[in-house]
Amino acid sequence: MKKKIRGTINRPRLCVFRSNKHIYAQIIDDTNKKIITSSSTLEKIIREKIKKSHNCNAARSIGKNIALKSKALGIKEIVFDRQDKIYHGRIQALAEAVREEGIKF
């Protein structure tokens, strides 16, 4: 049985979705059912920085971007939701980039 991961106001959920071409990250407050902030390889600012949108370097830049956005909003702790994907490759690169920016999970 799958465990449901839920975020709170104090510790919102960082939900990561990975497709074959892109990677998306959203910080979600599950108590109010609102997306606080998001980042993906489809954003114009990120597309200018990266060459390919489906590698670990792109995932690292998304992780760094979402961490900077969340720190600007005062979020220091999150719950990591990888949506049953294994902690490996692009998911791991994104998570490590978020941790390097000082966000705890």
N, C-alpha and C. Protein backbone atom coordinates (compact mmCIF):
# COMPACT_ATOMS: atom_id res chain seq x y z
N MET A 1 0.83 -1.19 0.00
CA MET A 1 0.00 0.00 0.00
C MET A 1 0.88 1.25 0.00
N LYS A 2 0.53 2.19 -0.83
CA LYS A 2 1.32 3.41 -0.98
C LYS A 2 1.03 4.39 0.15
N LYS A 3 2.08 4.93 0.73
CA LYS A 3 1.95 5.93 1.78
C LYS A 3 1.74 7.30 1.14
N LYS A 4 0.79 8.05 1.65
CA LYS A 4 0.54 9.40 1.12
C LYS A 4 1.44 10.40 1.84
N ILE A 5 2.13 11.18 1.06
CA ILE A 5 3.02 12.21 1.60
C ILE A 5 2.24 13.52 1.59
N ARG A 6 2.18 14.17 2.76
CA ARG A 6 1.43 15.42 2.88
C ARG A 6 2.32 16.49 3.49
N GLY A 7 2.18 17.70 2.98
CA GLY A 7 2.91 18.83 3.52
C GLY A 7 2.00 19.65 4.42
N THR A 8 2.60 20.42 5.31
CA THR A 8 1.85 21.30 6.20
C THR A 8 2.22 22.74 5.89
N ILE A 9 1.66 23.66 6.66
CA ILE A 9 2.01 25.08 6.48
C ILE A 9 3.48 25.30 6.84
N ASN A 10 3.94 24.66 7.93
CA ASN A 10 5.32 24.82 8.37
C ASN A 10 6.31 24.07 7.48
N ARG A 11 5.90 22.89 6.98
CA ARG A 11 6.76 22.10 6.09
C ARG A 11 5.98 21.72 4.84
N PRO A 12 5.97 22.59 3.83
CA PRO A 12 5.25 22.26 2.59
C PRO A 12 5.94 21.12 1.84
N ARG A 13 5.24 20.57 0.88
CA ARG A 13 5.72 19.42 0.12
C ARG A 13 6.38 19.88 -1.18
N LEU A 14 7.59 19.36 -1.43
CA LEU A 14 8.27 19.58 -2.71
C LEU A 14 7.97 18.38 -3.58
N CYS A 15 7.11 18.56 -4.56
CA CYS A 15 6.68 17.48 -5.44
C CYS A 15 7.49 17.56 -6.74
N VAL A 16 8.14 16.46 -7.10
CA VAL A 16 8.98 16.42 -8.29
C VAL A 16 8.34 15.48 -9.30
N PHE A 17 8.15 15.98 -10.52
CA PHE A 17 7.64 15.15 -11.61
C PHE A 17 8.69 15.14 -12.72
N ARG A 18 8.98 13.94 -13.21
CA ARG A 18 9.99 13.77 -14.24
C ARG A 18 9.35 13.09 -15.44
N SER A 19 9.43 13.76 -16.59
CA SER A 19 9.00 13.13 -17.84
C SER A 19 10.25 12.78 -18.64
N ASN A 20 10.07 12.26 -19.82
CA ASN A 20 11.24 11.90 -20.63
C ASN A 20 12.04 13.12 -21.06
N LYS A 21 11.38 14.25 -21.29
CA LYS A 21 12.07 15.44 -21.78
C LYS A 21 12.28 16.53 -20.74
N HIS A 22 11.44 16.62 -19.73
CA HIS A 22 11.49 17.75 -18.79
C HIS A 22 11.41 17.27 -17.35
N ILE A 23 11.70 18.20 -16.43
CA ILE A 23 11.54 17.94 -15.00
C ILE A 23 10.84 19.15 -14.39
N TYR A 24 9.91 18.87 -13.50
CA TYR A 24 9.08 19.90 -12.89
C TYR A 24 9.18 19.77 -11.37
N ALA A 25 9.18 20.90 -10.66
CA ALA A 25 9.19 20.89 -9.20
C ALA A 25 8.17 21.92 -8.71
N GLN A 26 7.35 21.52 -7.74
CA GLN A 26 6.35 22.42 -7.17
C GLN A 26 6.43 22.34 -5.66
N ILE A 27 6.29 23.47 -4.99
CA ILE A 27 6.16 23.48 -3.54
C ILE A 27 4.69 23.71 -3.24
N ILE A 28 4.09 22.73 -2.53
CA ILE A 28 2.65 22.69 -2.34
C ILE A 28 2.32 22.72 -0.85
N ASP A 29 1.33 23.55 -0.47
CA ASP A 29 0.77 23.55 0.87
C ASP A 29 -0.50 22.71 0.82
N ASP A 30 -0.43 21.49 1.37
CA ASP A 30 -1.56 20.56 1.27
C ASP A 30 -2.73 20.92 2.17
N THR A 31 -2.49 21.66 3.26
CA THR A 31 -3.61 22.03 4.13
C THR A 31 -4.54 23.02 3.44
N ASN A 32 -3.99 23.95 2.68
CA ASN A 32 -4.81 24.92 1.94
C ASN A 32 -5.00 24.54 0.48
N LYS A 33 -4.37 23.43 0.06
CA LYS A 33 -4.45 22.94 -1.32
C LYS A 33 -4.03 24.01 -2.33
N LYS A 34 -2.87 24.63 -2.07
CA LYS A 34 -2.34 25.69 -2.94
C LYS A 34 -0.91 25.38 -3.34
N ILE A 35 -0.58 25.71 -4.59
CA ILE A 35 0.80 25.64 -5.05
C ILE A 35 1.46 26.96 -4.68
N ILE A 36 2.50 26.88 -3.87
CA ILE A 36 3.17 28.10 -3.39
C ILE A 36 4.09 28.65 -4.47
N THR A 37 4.94 27.79 -5.02
CA THR A 37 5.84 28.20 -6.10
C THR A 37 6.21 26.98 -6.94
N SER A 38 6.68 27.23 -8.14
CA SER A 38 7.04 26.11 -9.01
C SER A 38 8.20 26.50 -9.92
N SER A 39 8.83 25.48 -10.49
CA SER A 39 9.93 25.68 -11.42
C SER A 39 9.99 24.47 -12.35
N SER A 40 10.35 24.71 -13.59
CA SER A 40 10.47 23.60 -14.54
C SER A 40 11.45 23.97 -15.65
N THR A 41 11.79 22.98 -16.44
CA THR A 41 12.71 23.21 -17.55
C THR A 41 12.01 23.91 -18.71
N LEU A 42 10.74 24.18 -18.59
CA LEU A 42 10.01 24.91 -19.62
C LEU A 42 10.07 26.43 -19.44
N GLU A 43 10.52 26.88 -18.24
CA GLU A 43 10.61 28.32 -17.99
C GLU A 43 11.68 28.95 -18.88
N LYS A 44 11.40 30.15 -19.34
CA LYS A 44 12.29 30.84 -20.29
C LYS A 44 13.67 31.10 -19.68
N ILE A 45 13.72 31.49 -18.40
CA ILE A 45 14.99 31.80 -17.74
C ILE A 45 15.89 30.56 -17.70
N ILE A 46 15.29 29.43 -17.41
CA ILE A 46 16.07 28.19 -17.30
C ILE A 46 16.45 27.65 -18.67
N ARG A 47 15.55 27.77 -19.63
CA ARG A 47 15.84 27.29 -20.99
C ARG A 47 17.05 28.01 -21.57
N GLU A 48 17.25 29.28 -21.20
CA GLU A 48 18.41 30.02 -21.71
C GLU A 48 19.71 29.53 -21.09
N LYS A 49 19.65 29.01 -19.85
CA LYS A 49 20.86 28.56 -19.15
C LYS A 49 21.31 27.17 -19.57
N ILE A 50 20.36 26.27 -19.84
CA ILE A 50 20.71 24.88 -20.08
C ILE A 50 20.67 24.53 -21.58
N LYS A 51 21.45 23.53 -21.97
CA LYS A 51 21.44 23.09 -23.35
C LYS A 51 20.41 22.01 -23.58
N LYS A 52 20.38 21.01 -22.67
CA LYS A 52 19.41 19.92 -22.77
C LYS A 52 18.51 19.95 -21.54
N SER A 53 17.25 19.62 -21.73
CA SER A 53 16.30 19.69 -20.62
C SER A 53 16.08 18.34 -19.94
N HIS A 54 16.77 17.30 -20.39
CA HIS A 54 16.53 15.97 -19.83
C HIS A 54 17.81 15.32 -19.29
N ASN A 55 18.65 16.11 -18.62
CA ASN A 55 19.83 15.53 -18.00
C ASN A 55 19.98 16.04 -16.56
N CYS A 56 20.99 15.57 -15.86
CA CYS A 56 21.19 15.90 -14.45
C CYS A 56 21.55 17.38 -14.25
N ASN A 57 22.22 17.98 -15.21
CA ASN A 57 22.55 19.41 -15.09
C ASN A 57 21.29 20.26 -15.08
N ALA A 58 20.33 19.91 -15.91
CA ALA A 58 19.04 20.62 -15.92
C ALA A 58 18.32 20.43 -14.60
N ALA A 59 18.35 19.21 -14.07
CA ALA A 59 17.70 18.93 -12.78
C ALA A 59 18.35 19.72 -11.65
N ARG A 60 19.68 19.85 -11.69
CA ARG A 60 20.38 20.65 -10.67
C ARG A 60 19.97 22.11 -10.74
N SER A 61 19.84 22.66 -11.94
CA SER A 61 19.44 24.06 -12.06
C SER A 61 18.00 24.27 -11.59
N ILE A 62 17.12 23.29 -11.81
CA ILE A 62 15.74 23.38 -11.31
C ILE A 62 15.75 23.33 -9.78
N GLY A 63 16.56 22.43 -9.21
CA GLY A 63 16.67 22.34 -7.75
C GLY A 63 17.17 23.62 -7.13
N LYS A 64 18.17 24.22 -7.75
CA LYS A 64 18.71 25.47 -7.23
C LYS A 64 17.68 26.59 -7.34
N ASN A 65 16.96 26.64 -8.47
CA ASN A 65 15.96 27.68 -8.70
C ASN A 65 14.79 27.57 -7.71
N ILE A 66 14.28 26.36 -7.49
CA ILE A 66 13.16 26.18 -6.58
C ILE A 66 13.59 26.47 -5.14
N ALA A 67 14.84 26.16 -4.80
CA ALA A 67 15.34 26.45 -3.45
C ALA A 67 15.46 27.96 -3.24
N LEU A 68 15.95 28.68 -4.23
CA LEU A 68 16.06 30.13 -4.10
C LEU A 68 14.68 30.78 -3.99
N LYS A 69 13.71 30.28 -4.77
CA LYS A 69 12.35 30.82 -4.69
C LYS A 69 11.73 30.55 -3.32
N SER A 70 11.96 29.36 -2.79
CA SER A 70 11.37 29.03 -1.49
C SER A 70 12.04 29.79 -0.36
N LYS A 71 13.36 30.01 -0.45
CA LYS A 71 14.03 30.81 0.59
C LYS A 71 13.54 32.25 0.57
N ALA A 72 13.24 32.77 -0.61
CA ALA A 72 12.70 34.13 -0.71
C ALA A 72 11.33 34.22 -0.05
N LEU A 73 10.59 33.12 -0.04
CA LEU A 73 9.28 33.10 0.61
C LEU A 73 9.36 32.72 2.08
N GLY A 74 10.57 32.44 2.59
CA GLY A 74 10.75 32.11 4.01
C GLY A 74 10.59 30.65 4.33
N ILE A 75 10.65 29.77 3.34
CA ILE A 75 10.51 28.33 3.58
C ILE A 75 11.90 27.74 3.76
N LYS A 76 12.14 27.12 4.93
CA LYS A 76 13.45 26.54 5.22
C LYS A 76 13.41 25.02 5.32
N GLU A 77 12.22 24.44 5.55
CA GLU A 77 12.07 22.99 5.66
C GLU A 77 10.93 22.53 4.77
N ILE A 78 11.15 21.39 4.09
CA ILE A 78 10.13 20.84 3.20
C ILE A 78 10.01 19.34 3.42
N VAL A 79 8.98 18.76 2.83
CA VAL A 79 8.81 17.31 2.75
C VAL A 79 9.03 16.95 1.29
N PHE A 80 9.93 16.00 1.02
CA PHE A 80 10.29 15.65 -0.36
C PHE A 80 9.37 14.55 -0.87
N ASP A 81 8.71 14.80 -2.00
CA ASP A 81 7.80 13.83 -2.62
C ASP A 81 8.34 13.51 -4.01
N ARG A 82 8.84 12.29 -4.18
CA ARG A 82 9.41 11.90 -5.47
C ARG A 82 8.44 11.08 -6.30
N GLN A 83 7.21 10.91 -5.83
CA GLN A 83 6.13 10.23 -6.56
C GLN A 83 6.50 8.82 -7.02
N ASP A 84 6.97 8.00 -6.10
CA ASP A 84 7.32 6.59 -6.34
C ASP A 84 8.43 6.38 -7.37
N LYS A 85 9.13 7.42 -7.75
CA LYS A 85 10.31 7.26 -8.60
C LYS A 85 11.50 6.94 -7.69
N ILE A 86 12.45 6.17 -8.17
CA ILE A 86 13.59 5.84 -7.33
C ILE A 86 14.50 7.06 -7.18
N TYR A 87 15.17 7.14 -6.02
CA TYR A 87 16.05 8.27 -5.71
C TYR A 87 17.36 8.04 -6.44
N HIS A 88 17.38 8.46 -7.72
CA HIS A 88 18.52 8.16 -8.56
C HIS A 88 18.49 9.10 -9.76
N GLY A 89 19.65 9.46 -10.27
CA GLY A 89 19.71 10.26 -11.49
C GLY A 89 19.20 11.67 -11.32
N ARG A 90 18.23 12.05 -12.14
CA ARG A 90 17.73 13.43 -12.15
C ARG A 90 17.02 13.80 -10.84
N ILE A 91 16.29 12.85 -10.25
CA ILE A 91 15.61 13.11 -8.98
C ILE A 91 16.65 13.40 -7.89
N GLN A 92 17.70 12.59 -7.85
CA GLN A 92 18.76 12.76 -6.86
C GLN A 92 19.51 14.08 -7.09
N ALA A 93 19.77 14.43 -8.33
CA ALA A 93 20.48 15.67 -8.64
C ALA A 93 19.67 16.88 -8.18
N LEU A 94 18.36 16.85 -8.42
CA LEU A 94 17.49 17.95 -7.99
C LEU A 94 17.49 18.06 -6.46
N ALA A 95 17.35 16.92 -5.77
CA ALA A 95 17.30 16.92 -4.30
C ALA A 95 18.60 17.44 -3.69
N GLU A 96 19.74 17.02 -4.25
CA GLU A 96 21.02 17.47 -3.72
C GLU A 96 21.23 18.96 -3.95
N ALA A 97 20.75 19.48 -5.08
CA ALA A 97 20.88 20.92 -5.35
C ALA A 97 20.02 21.72 -4.36
N VAL A 98 18.86 21.20 -4.00
CA VAL A 98 17.99 21.87 -3.02
C VAL A 98 18.67 21.88 -1.67
N ARG A 99 19.28 20.75 -1.29
CA ARG A 99 19.98 20.67 0.00
C ARG A 99 21.18 21.60 0.06
N GLU A 100 21.90 21.73 -1.06
CA GLU A 100 23.07 22.60 -1.10
C GLU A 100 22.70 24.06 -0.87
N GLU A 101 21.48 24.43 -1.25
CA GLU A 101 21.02 25.81 -1.03
C GLU A 101 20.53 26.06 0.39
N GLY A 102 20.53 25.01 1.22
CA GLY A 102 20.19 25.19 2.63
C GLY A 102 18.77 24.82 3.03
N ILE A 103 18.01 24.19 2.15
CA ILE A 103 16.68 23.73 2.49
C ILE A 103 16.79 22.34 3.10
N LYS A 104 16.13 22.12 4.25
CA LYS A 104 16.23 20.84 4.96
C LYS A 104 15.04 19.96 4.64
N PHE A 105 15.32 18.67 4.45
CA PHE A 105 14.29 17.64 4.37
C PHE A 105 14.86 16.28 4.65
